[in-house]
Amino acid sequence: MREPPGYRDADAKRILERAAAIDAEGGRELDVPALREIAAEAGISASAVDRALQEHETAAPIQPWLTRHRVLLTTVAIIAALLFLFAFYVVGRTVPPAP
């Protein structure tokens, strides 16, 4: 396979992010010094690594949409069930029986 002459920054970032994701599937753990060393080898400044580490540590965990809206979804389901039962009751009382 012939290698292309180079990659733009955005392409290089996507390639490295994907490579890191593939590597992370193995489940290994890196400590901060290892992260700093890898970043330095990749040409990433120490201040950028520090900022990324700080953002990672202070970021709120992302909750799935269903977890965040569980009460709302439960309420909507209960109201829908009640409306269905009410409609079934009303239709059953207003429709005359078949002869």
PDB file of N, CA and C in Angstrom:
ATOM      1  N   MET A   1       0.845  -1.176   0.000  1.00  0.00           N
ATOM      2  CA  MET A   1       0.000   0.000   0.000  1.00  0.00           C
ATOM      3  C   MET A   1       0.886   1.233   0.000  1.00  0.00           C
ATOM      4  N   ARG A   2       0.637   2.130  -0.920  1.00  0.00           N
ATOM      5  CA  ARG A   2       1.406   3.358  -1.012  1.00  0.00           C
ATOM      6  C   ARG A   2       0.831   4.388  -0.043  1.00  0.00           C
ATOM      7  N   GLU A   3       1.682   4.982   0.770  1.00  0.00           N
ATOM      8  CA  GLU A   3       1.219   5.960   1.751  1.00  0.00           C
ATOM      9  C   GLU A   3       1.091   7.332   1.112  1.00  0.00           C
ATOM     10  N   PRO A   4       0.031   8.063   1.452  1.00  0.00           N
ATOM     11  CA  PRO A   4      -0.113   9.429   0.941  1.00  0.00           C
ATOM     12  C   PRO A   4       0.970  10.325   1.543  1.00  0.00           C
ATOM     13  N   PRO A   5       1.239  11.462   0.907  1.00  0.00           N
ATOM     14  CA  PRO A   5       2.316  12.325   1.374  1.00  0.00           C
ATOM     15  C   PRO A   5       2.066  12.966   2.738  1.00  0.00           C
ATOM     16  N   GLY A   6       0.833  13.146   3.132  1.00  0.00           N
ATOM     17  CA  GLY A   6       0.544  13.751   4.425  1.00  0.00           C
ATOM     18  C   GLY A   6      -0.949  13.918   4.640  1.00  0.00           C
ATOM     19  N   TYR A   7      -1.300  14.305   5.856  1.00  0.00           N
ATOM     20  CA  TYR A   7      -2.698  14.483   6.214  1.00  0.00           C
ATOM     21  C   TYR A   7      -2.891  15.875   6.808  1.00  0.00           C
ATOM     22  N   ARG A   8      -4.051  16.438   6.546  1.00  0.00           N
ATOM     23  CA  ARG A   8      -4.395  17.722   7.153  1.00  0.00           C
ATOM     24  C   ARG A   8      -4.645  17.502   8.637  1.00  0.00           C
ATOM     25  N   ASP A   9      -4.621  18.585   9.405  1.00  0.00           N
ATOM     26  CA  ASP A   9      -4.806  18.479  10.860  1.00  0.00           C
ATOM     27  C   ASP A   9      -6.117  17.771  11.227  1.00  0.00           C
ATOM     28  N   ALA A  10      -7.198  18.147  10.567  1.00  0.00           N
ATOM     29  CA  ALA A  10      -8.500  17.548  10.902  1.00  0.00           C
ATOM     30  C   ALA A  10      -8.506  16.047  10.606  1.00  0.00           C
ATOM     31  N   ASP A  11      -7.904  15.667   9.470  1.00  0.00           N
ATOM     32  CA  ASP A  11      -7.837  14.244   9.133  1.00  0.00           C
ATOM     33  C   ASP A  11      -6.950  13.495  10.119  1.00  0.00           C
ATOM     34  N   ALA A  12      -5.812  14.078  10.458  1.00  0.00           N
ATOM     35  CA  ALA A  12      -4.895  13.442  11.412  1.00  0.00           C
ATOM     36  C   ALA A  12      -5.574  13.260  12.760  1.00  0.00           C
ATOM     37  N   LYS A  13      -6.335  14.274  13.183  1.00  0.00           N
ATOM     38  CA  LYS A  13      -7.048  14.177  14.464  1.00  0.00           C
ATOM     39  C   LYS A  13      -8.046  13.019  14.446  1.00  0.00           C
ATOM     40  N   ARG A  14      -8.830  12.905  13.358  1.00  0.00           N
ATOM     41  CA  ARG A  14      -9.811  11.815  13.259  1.00  0.00           C
ATOM     42  C   ARG A  14      -9.119  10.455  13.252  1.00  0.00           C
ATOM     43  N   ILE A  15      -8.011  10.350  12.530  1.00  0.00           N
ATOM     44  CA  ILE A  15      -7.294   9.077  12.450  1.00  0.00           C
ATOM     45  C   ILE A  15      -6.752   8.690  13.824  1.00  0.00           C
ATOM     46  N   LEU A  16      -6.149   9.659  14.516  1.00  0.00           N
ATOM     47  CA  LEU A  16      -5.586   9.366  15.837  1.00  0.00           C
ATOM     48  C   LEU A  16      -6.679   9.065  16.861  1.00  0.00           C
ATOM     49  N   GLU A  17      -7.797   9.787  16.793  1.00  0.00           N
ATOM     50  CA  GLU A  17      -8.905   9.504  17.712  1.00  0.00           C
ATOM     51  C   GLU A  17      -9.438   8.097  17.489  1.00  0.00           C
ATOM     52  N   ARG A  18      -9.569   7.709  16.220  1.00  0.00           N
ATOM     53  CA  ARG A  18     -10.070   6.360  15.925  1.00  0.00           C
ATOM     54  C   ARG A  18      -9.063   5.305  16.366  1.00  0.00           C
ATOM     55  N   ALA A  19      -7.783   5.564  16.121  1.00  0.00           N
ATOM     56  CA  ALA A  19      -6.751   4.618  16.546  1.00  0.00           C
ATOM     57  C   ALA A  19      -6.763   4.465  18.067  1.00  0.00           C
ATOM     58  N   ALA A  20      -6.943   5.579  18.778  1.00  0.00           N
ATOM     59  CA  ALA A  20      -7.008   5.520  20.240  1.00  0.00           C
ATOM     60  C   ALA A  20      -8.241   4.745  20.695  1.00  0.00           C
ATOM     61  N   ALA A  21      -9.360   4.934  19.999  1.00  0.00           N
ATOM     62  CA  ALA A  21     -10.583   4.204  20.354  1.00  0.00           C
ATOM     63  C   ALA A  21     -10.397   2.705  20.130  1.00  0.00           C
ATOM     64  N   ILE A  22      -9.768   2.341  19.026  1.00  0.00           N
ATOM     65  CA  ILE A  22      -9.510   0.928  18.751  1.00  0.00           C
ATOM     66  C   ILE A  22      -8.603   0.347  19.831  1.00  0.00           C
ATOM     67  N   ASP A  23      -7.559   1.103  20.173  1.00  0.00           N
ATOM     68  CA  ASP A  23      -6.625   0.641  21.196  1.00  0.00           C
ATOM     69  C   ASP A  23      -7.305   0.535  22.561  1.00  0.00           C
ATOM     70  N   ALA A  24      -8.242   1.433  22.849  1.00  0.00           N
ATOM     71  CA  ALA A  24      -8.921   1.433  24.145  1.00  0.00           C
ATOM     72  C   ALA A  24      -9.859   0.238  24.302  1.00  0.00           C
ATOM     73  N   GLU A  25     -10.252  -0.368  23.200  1.00  0.00           N
ATOM     74  CA  GLU A  25     -11.129  -1.540  23.283  1.00  0.00           C
ATOM     75  C   GLU A  25     -10.450  -2.692  24.017  1.00  0.00           C
ATOM     76  N   GLY A  26      -9.121  -2.642  24.072  1.00  0.00           N
ATOM     77  CA  GLY A  26      -8.385  -3.669  24.799  1.00  0.00           C
ATOM     78  C   GLY A  26      -8.500  -3.515  26.299  1.00  0.00           C
ATOM     79  N   GLY A  27      -8.939  -2.360  26.767  1.00  0.00           N
ATOM     80  CA  GLY A  27      -9.186  -2.146  28.178  1.00  0.00           C
ATOM     81  C   GLY A  27      -7.969  -1.786  29.006  1.00  0.00           C
ATOM     82  N   ARG A  28      -6.862  -1.417  28.365  1.00  0.00           N
ATOM     83  CA  ARG A  28      -5.697  -1.055  29.176  1.00  0.00           C
ATOM     84  C   ARG A  28      -5.886   0.324  29.785  1.00  0.00           C
ATOM     85  N   GLU A  29      -5.115   0.605  30.805  1.00  0.00           N
ATOM     86  CA  GLU A  29      -5.239   1.865  31.537  1.00  0.00           C
ATOM     87  C   GLU A  29      -3.919   2.624  31.456  1.00  0.00           C
ATOM     88  N   LEU A  30      -4.016   3.927  31.192  1.00  0.00           N
ATOM     89  CA  LEU A  30      -2.836   4.777  31.123  1.00  0.00           C
ATOM     90  C   LEU A  30      -2.848   5.762  32.284  1.00  0.00           C
ATOM     91  N   ASP A  31      -1.687   5.958  32.903  1.00  0.00           N
ATOM     92  CA  ASP A  31      -1.610   6.964  33.956  1.00  0.00           C
ATOM     93  C   ASP A  31      -1.238   8.311  33.329  1.00  0.00           C
ATOM     94  N   VAL A  32      -1.246   9.363  34.144  1.00  0.00           N
ATOM     95  CA  VAL A  32      -1.000  10.713  33.651  1.00  0.00           C
ATOM     96  C   VAL A  32       0.387  10.842  33.015  1.00  0.00           C
ATOM     97  N   PRO A  33       1.459  10.319  33.622  1.00  0.00           N
ATOM     98  CA  PRO A  33       2.763  10.433  32.958  1.00  0.00           C
ATOM     99  C   PRO A  33       2.781   9.771  31.574  1.00  0.00           C
ATOM    100  N   ALA A  34       2.108   8.638  31.430  1.00  0.00           N
ATOM    101  CA  ALA A  34       2.055   7.978  30.122  1.00  0.00           C
ATOM    102  C   ALA A  34       1.292   8.831  29.120  1.00  0.00           C
ATOM    103  N   LEU A  35       0.187   9.442  29.568  1.00  0.00           N
ATOM    104  CA  LEU A  35      -0.566  10.334  28.686  1.00  0.00           C
ATOM    105  C   LEU A  35       0.290  11.513  28.245  1.00  0.00           C
ATOM    106  N   ARG A  36       1.042  12.091  29.181  1.00  0.00           N
ATOM    107  CA  ARG A  36       1.909  13.225  28.849  1.00  0.00           C
ATOM    108  C   ARG A  36       2.986  12.815  27.844  1.00  0.00           C
ATOM    109  N   GLU A  37       3.562  11.639  28.035  1.00  0.00           N
ATOM    110  CA  GLU A  37       4.620  11.169  27.137  1.00  0.00           C
ATOM    111  C   GLU A  37       4.078  10.934  25.724  1.00  0.00           C
ATOM    112  N   ILE A  38       2.918  10.287  25.643  1.00  0.00           N
ATOM    113  CA  ILE A  38       2.308  10.028  24.340  1.00  0.00           C
ATOM    114  C   ILE A  38       1.966  11.339  23.642  1.00  0.00           C
ATOM    115  N   ALA A  39       1.409  12.277  24.410  1.00  0.00           N
ATOM    116  CA  ALA A  39       1.054  13.574  23.835  1.00  0.00           C
ATOM    117  C   ALA A  39       2.294  14.302  23.326  1.00  0.00           C
ATOM    118  N   ALA A  40       3.377  14.264  24.094  1.00  0.00           N
ATOM    119  CA  ALA A  40       4.608  14.928  23.680  1.00  0.00           C
ATOM    120  C   ALA A  40       5.137  14.314  22.384  1.00  0.00           C
ATOM    121  N   GLU A  41       5.087  12.983  22.287  1.00  0.00           N
ATOM    122  CA  GLU A  41       5.537  12.308  21.063  1.00  0.00           C
ATOM    123  C   GLU A  41       4.674  12.677  19.870  1.00  0.00           C
ATOM    124  N   ALA A  42       3.395  12.969  20.128  1.00  0.00           N
ATOM    125  CA  ALA A  42       2.484  13.341  19.050  1.00  0.00           C
ATOM    126  C   ALA A  42       2.534  14.830  18.740  1.00  0.00           C
ATOM    127  N   GLY A  43       3.360  15.565  19.482  1.00  0.00           N
ATOM    128  CA  GLY A  43       3.489  16.997  19.234  1.00  0.00           C
ATOM    129  C   GLY A  43       2.426  17.839  19.914  1.00  0.00           C
ATOM    130  N   ILE A  44       1.799  17.297  20.932  1.00  0.00           N
ATOM    131  CA  ILE A  44       0.765  18.028  21.677  1.00  0.00           C
ATOM    132  C   ILE A  44       1.423  18.683  22.873  1.00  0.00           C
ATOM    133  N   SER A  45       1.120  19.968  23.064  1.00  0.00           N
ATOM    134  CA  SER A  45       1.771  20.722  24.134  1.00  0.00           C
ATOM    135  C   SER A  45       1.322  20.234  25.509  1.00  0.00           C
ATOM    136  N   ALA A  46       2.198  20.424  26.488  1.00  0.00           N
ATOM    137  CA  ALA A  46       1.885  20.025  27.867  1.00  0.00           C
ATOM    138  C   ALA A  46       0.705  20.814  28.406  1.00  0.00           C
ATOM    139  N   SER A  47       0.601  22.095  28.024  1.00  0.00           N
ATOM    140  CA  SER A  47      -0.527  22.902  28.512  1.00  0.00           C
ATOM    141  C   SER A  47      -1.850  22.394  27.943  1.00  0.00           C
ATOM    142  N   ALA A  48      -1.844  21.902  26.712  1.00  0.00           N
ATOM    143  CA  ALA A  48      -3.066  21.344  26.126  1.00  0.00           C
ATOM    144  C   ALA A  48      -3.464  20.057  26.857  1.00  0.00           C
ATOM    145  N   VAL A  49      -2.469  19.248  27.211  1.00  0.00           N
ATOM    146  CA  VAL A  49      -2.750  18.014  27.960  1.00  0.00           C
ATOM    147  C   VAL A  49      -3.314  18.362  29.334  1.00  0.00           C
ATOM    148  N   ASP A  50      -2.707  19.342  30.006  1.00  0.00           N
ATOM    149  CA  ASP A  50      -3.199  19.761  31.319  1.00  0.00           C
ATOM    150  C   ASP A  50      -4.642  20.234  31.243  1.00  0.00           C
ATOM    151  N   ARG A  51      -4.939  21.040  30.221  1.00  0.00           N
ATOM    152  CA  ARG A  51      -6.305  21.553  30.068  1.00  0.00           C
ATOM    153  C   ARG A  51      -7.282  20.412  29.783  1.00  0.00           C
ATOM    154  N   ALA A  52      -6.891  19.482  28.919  1.00  0.00           N
ATOM    155  CA  ALA A  52      -7.761  18.351  28.604  1.00  0.00           C
ATOM    156  C   ALA A  52      -8.006  17.484  29.832  1.00  0.00           C
ATOM    157  N   LEU A  53      -6.958  17.271  30.630  1.00  0.00           N
ATOM    158  CA  LEU A  53      -7.119  16.495  31.860  1.00  0.00           C
ATOM    159  C   LEU A  53      -8.068  17.194  32.829  1.00  0.00           C
ATOM    160  N   GLN A  54      -7.911  18.508  32.957  1.00  0.00           N
ATOM    161  CA  GLN A  54      -8.775  19.273  33.862  1.00  0.00           C
ATOM    162  C   GLN A  54     -10.222  19.216  33.386  1.00  0.00           C
ATOM    163  N   GLU A  55     -10.445  19.393  32.082  1.00  0.00           N
ATOM    164  CA  GLU A  55     -11.803  19.331  31.544  1.00  0.00           C
ATOM    165  C   GLU A  55     -12.410  17.941  31.753  1.00  0.00           C
ATOM    166  N   HIS A  56     -11.587  16.922  31.581  1.00  0.00           N
ATOM    167  CA  HIS A  56     -12.077  15.552  31.761  1.00  0.00           C
ATOM    168  C   HIS A  56     -12.487  15.300  33.207  1.00  0.00           C
ATOM    169  N   GLU A  57     -11.697  15.781  34.150  1.00  0.00           N
ATOM    170  CA  GLU A  57     -11.979  15.550  35.565  1.00  0.00           C
ATOM    171  C   GLU A  57     -13.178  16.345  36.063  1.00  0.00           C
ATOM    172  N   THR A  58     -13.449  17.507  35.475  1.00  0.00           N
ATOM    173  CA  THR A  58     -14.545  18.353  35.951  1.00  0.00           C
ATOM    174  C   THR A  58     -15.824  18.173  35.142  1.00  0.00           C
ATOM    175  N   ALA A  59     -15.761  17.418  34.059  1.00  0.00           N
ATOM    176  CA  ALA A  59     -16.944  17.245  33.217  1.00  0.00           C
ATOM    177  C   ALA A  59     -17.979  16.393  33.938  1.00  0.00           C
ATOM    178  N   ALA A  60     -19.222  16.819  33.820  1.00  0.00           N
ATOM    179  CA  ALA A  60     -20.325  16.044  34.403  1.00  0.00           C
ATOM    180  C   ALA A  60     -20.556  14.811  33.545  1.00  0.00           C
ATOM    181  N   PRO A  61     -20.866  13.702  34.169  1.00  0.00           N
ATOM    182  CA  PRO A  61     -21.130  12.506  33.372  1.00  0.00           C
ATOM    183  C   PRO A  61     -22.363  12.714  32.500  1.00  0.00           C
ATOM    184  N   ILE A  62     -22.326  12.194  31.302  1.00  0.00           N
ATOM    185  CA  ILE A  62     -23.429  12.341  30.362  1.00  0.00           C
ATOM    186  C   ILE A  62     -24.451  11.245  30.645  1.00  0.00           C
ATOM    187  N   GLN A  63     -25.663  11.680  30.920  1.00  0.00           N
ATOM    188  CA  GLN A  63     -26.723  10.718  31.193  1.00  0.00           C
ATOM    189  C   GLN A  63     -27.503  10.470  29.908  1.00  0.00           C
ATOM    190  N   PRO A  64     -27.901   9.264  29.687  1.00  0.00           N
ATOM    191  CA  PRO A  64     -28.720   8.982  28.509  1.00  0.00           C
ATOM    192  C   PRO A  64     -30.039   9.756  28.568  1.00  0.00           C
ATOM    193  N   TRP A  65     -30.587  10.046  27.395  1.00  0.00           N
ATOM    194  CA  TRP A  65     -31.810  10.835  27.297  1.00  0.00           C
ATOM    195  C   TRP A  65     -32.939  10.190  28.090  1.00  0.00           C
ATOM    196  N   LEU A  66     -33.087   8.884  28.013  1.00  0.00           N
ATOM    197  CA  LEU A  66     -34.179   8.208  28.720  1.00  0.00           C
ATOM    198  C   LEU A  66     -34.048   8.346  30.230  1.00  0.00           C
ATOM    199  N   THR A  67     -32.821   8.326  30.734  1.00  0.00           N
ATOM    200  CA  THR A  67     -32.617   8.465  32.176  1.00  0.00           C
ATOM    201  C   THR A  67     -32.990   9.866  32.633  1.00  0.00           C
ATOM    202  N   ARG A  68     -32.593  10.868  31.859  1.00  0.00           N
ATOM    203  CA  ARG A  68     -32.886  12.253  32.240  1.00  0.00           C
ATOM    204  C   ARG A  68     -34.375  12.556  32.204  1.00  0.00           C
ATOM    205  N   HIS A  69     -35.123  11.901  31.325  1.00  0.00           N
ATOM    206  CA  HIS A  69     -36.537  12.214  31.137  1.00  0.00           C
ATOM    207  C   HIS A  69     -37.461  11.084  31.606  1.00  0.00           C
ATOM    208  N   ARG A  70     -36.990  10.276  32.523  1.00  0.00           N
ATOM    209  CA  ARG A  70     -37.767   9.126  32.985  1.00  0.00           C
ATOM    210  C   ARG A  70     -39.113   9.546  33.583  1.00  0.00           C
ATOM    211  N   VAL A  71     -39.127  10.576  34.417  1.00  0.00           N
ATOM    212  CA  VAL A  71     -40.376  11.010  35.055  1.00  0.00           C
ATOM    213  C   VAL A  71     -41.355  11.532  34.010  1.00  0.00           C
ATOM    214  N   LEU A  72     -40.857  12.319  33.070  1.00  0.00           N
ATOM    215  CA  LEU A  72     -41.723  12.849  32.016  1.00  0.00           C
ATOM    216  C   LEU A  72     -42.322  11.727  31.182  1.00  0.00           C
ATOM    217  N   LEU A  73     -41.504  10.764  30.790  1.00  0.00           N
ATOM    218  CA  LEU A  73     -42.000   9.650  29.984  1.00  0.00           C
ATOM    219  C   LEU A  73     -43.015   8.805  30.753  1.00  0.00           C
ATOM    220  N   THR A  74     -42.778   8.595  32.032  1.00  0.00           N
ATOM    221  CA  THR A  74     -43.726   7.833  32.854  1.00  0.00           C
ATOM    222  C   THR A  74     -45.054   8.567  32.947  1.00  0.00           C
ATOM    223  N   THR A  75     -45.003   9.878  33.155  1.00  0.00           N
ATOM    224  CA  THR A  75     -46.219  10.690  33.240  1.00  0.00           C
ATOM    225  C   THR A  75     -47.002  10.640  31.935  1.00  0.00           C
ATOM    226  N   VAL A  76     -46.302  10.781  30.812  1.00  0.00           N
ATOM    227  CA  VAL A  76     -46.964  10.729  29.505  1.00  0.00           C
ATOM    228  C   VAL A  76     -47.607   9.358  29.290  1.00  0.00           C
ATOM    229  N   ALA A  77     -46.919   8.299  29.668  1.00  0.00           N
ATOM    230  CA  ALA A  77     -47.476   6.951  29.495  1.00  0.00           C
ATOM    231  C   ALA A  77     -48.731   6.763  30.340  1.00  0.00           C
ATOM    232  N   ILE A  78     -48.732   7.263  31.557  1.00  0.00           N
ATOM    233  CA  ILE A  78     -49.905   7.139  32.435  1.00  0.00           C
ATOM    234  C   ILE A  78     -51.081   7.929  31.873  1.00  0.00           C
ATOM    235  N   ILE A  79     -50.811   9.153  31.412  1.00  0.00           N
ATOM    236  CA  ILE A  79     -51.882   9.981  30.838  1.00  0.00           C
ATOM    237  C   ILE A  79     -52.436   9.322  29.584  1.00  0.00           C
ATOM    238  N   ALA A  80     -51.564   8.773  28.744  1.00  0.00           N
ATOM    239  CA  ALA A  80     -52.026   8.101  27.521  1.00  0.00           C
ATOM    240  C   ALA A  80     -52.893   6.895  27.873  1.00  0.00           C
ATOM    241  N   ALA A  81     -52.499   6.130  28.866  1.00  0.00           N
ATOM    242  CA  ALA A  81     -53.286   4.969  29.277  1.00  0.00           C
ATOM    243  C   ALA A  81     -54.648   5.393  29.817  1.00  0.00           C
ATOM    244  N   LEU A  82     -54.676   6.457  30.620  1.00  0.00           N
ATOM    245  CA  LEU A  82     -55.946   6.944  31.153  1.00  0.00           C
ATOM    246  C   LEU A  82     -56.855   7.454  30.048  1.00  0.00           C
ATOM    247  N   LEU A  83     -56.297   8.171  29.076  1.00  0.00           N
ATOM    248  CA  LEU A  83     -57.095   8.665  27.947  1.00  0.00           C
ATOM    249  C   LEU A  83     -57.648   7.498  27.129  1.00  0.00           C
ATOM    250  N   PHE A  84     -56.847   6.474  26.929  1.00  0.00           N
ATOM    251  CA  PHE A  84     -57.302   5.295  26.197  1.00  0.00           C
ATOM    252  C   PHE A  84     -58.463   4.634  26.941  1.00  0.00           C
ATOM    253  N   LEU A  85     -58.322   4.443  28.240  1.00  0.00           N
ATOM    254  CA  LEU A  85     -59.389   3.819  29.021  1.00  0.00           C
ATOM    255  C   LEU A  85     -60.658   4.670  29.019  1.00  0.00           C
ATOM    256  N   PHE A  86     -60.483   5.999  29.134  1.00  0.00           N
ATOM    257  CA  PHE A  86     -61.636   6.897  29.106  1.00  0.00           C
ATOM    258  C   PHE A  86     -62.336   6.819  27.753  1.00  0.00           C
ATOM    259  N   ALA A  87     -61.564   6.846  26.659  1.00  0.00           N
ATOM    260  CA  ALA A  87     -62.149   6.774  25.320  1.00  0.00           C
ATOM    261  C   ALA A  87     -62.853   5.436  25.123  1.00  0.00           C
ATOM    262  N   PHE A  88     -62.259   4.359  25.585  1.00  0.00           N
ATOM    263  CA  PHE A  88     -62.863   3.037  25.473  1.00  0.00           C
ATOM    264  C   PHE A  88     -64.183   2.992  26.243  1.00  0.00           C
ATOM    265  N   TYR A  89     -64.201   3.601  27.418  1.00  0.00           N
ATOM    266  CA  TYR A  89     -65.407   3.634  28.245  1.00  0.00           C
ATOM    267  C   TYR A  89     -66.498   4.461  27.566  1.00  0.00           C
ATOM    268  N   VAL A  90     -66.134   5.651  27.053  1.00  0.00           N
ATOM    269  CA  VAL A  90     -67.119   6.531  26.417  1.00  0.00           C
ATOM    270  C   VAL A  90     -67.676   5.882  25.160  1.00  0.00           C
ATOM    271  N   VAL A  91     -66.814   5.325  24.324  1.00  0.00           N
ATOM    272  CA  VAL A  91     -67.280   4.688  23.092  1.00  0.00           C
ATOM    273  C   VAL A  91     -68.163   3.489  23.426  1.00  0.00           C
ATOM    274  N   GLY A  92     -67.820   2.743  24.426  1.00  0.00           N
ATOM    275  CA  GLY A  92     -68.615   1.580  24.821  1.00  0.00           C
ATOM    276  C   GLY A  92     -69.998   1.960  25.315  1.00  0.00           C
ATOM    277  N   ARG A  93     -70.138   3.120  25.887  1.00  0.00           N
ATOM    278  CA  ARG A  93     -71.434   3.544  26.416  1.00  0.00           C
ATOM    279  C   ARG A  93     -72.295   4.230  25.374  1.00  0.00           C
ATOM    280  N   THR A  94     -71.690   4.841  24.346  1.00  0.00           N
ATOM    281  CA  THR A  94     -72.457   5.607  23.379  1.00  0.00           C
ATOM    282  C   THR A  94     -72.828   4.816  22.145  1.00  0.00           C
ATOM    283  N   VAL A  95     -72.143   3.735  21.857  1.00  0.00           N
ATOM    284  CA  VAL A  95     -72.446   2.928  20.670  1.00  0.00           C
ATOM    285  C   VAL A  95     -73.520   1.916  21.056  1.00  0.00           C
ATOM    286  N   PRO A  96     -74.657   1.965  20.345  1.00  0.00           N
ATOM    287  CA  PRO A  96     -75.718   1.014  20.679  1.00  0.00           C
ATOM    288  C   PRO A  96     -75.297  -0.413  20.307  1.00  0.00           C
ATOM    289  N   PRO A  97     -75.782  -1.378  21.022  1.00  0.00           N
ATOM    290  CA  PRO A  97     -75.428  -2.762  20.690  1.00  0.00           C
ATOM    291  C   PRO A  97     -75.983  -3.159  19.308  1.00  0.00           C
ATOM    292  N   ALA A  98     -75.333  -4.059  18.663  1.00  0.00           N
ATOM    293  CA  ALA A  98     -75.777  -4.525  17.351  1.00  0.00           C
ATOM    294  C   ALA A  98     -77.051  -5.331  17.492  1.00  0.00           C
ATOM    295  N   PRO A  99     -77.988  -5.206  16.547  1.00  0.00           N
ATOM    296  CA  PRO A  99     -79.257  -5.960  16.662  1.00  0.00           C
ATOM    297  C   PRO A  99     -79.101  -7.434  16.447  1.00  0.00           C
TER     298      PRO A  99
END
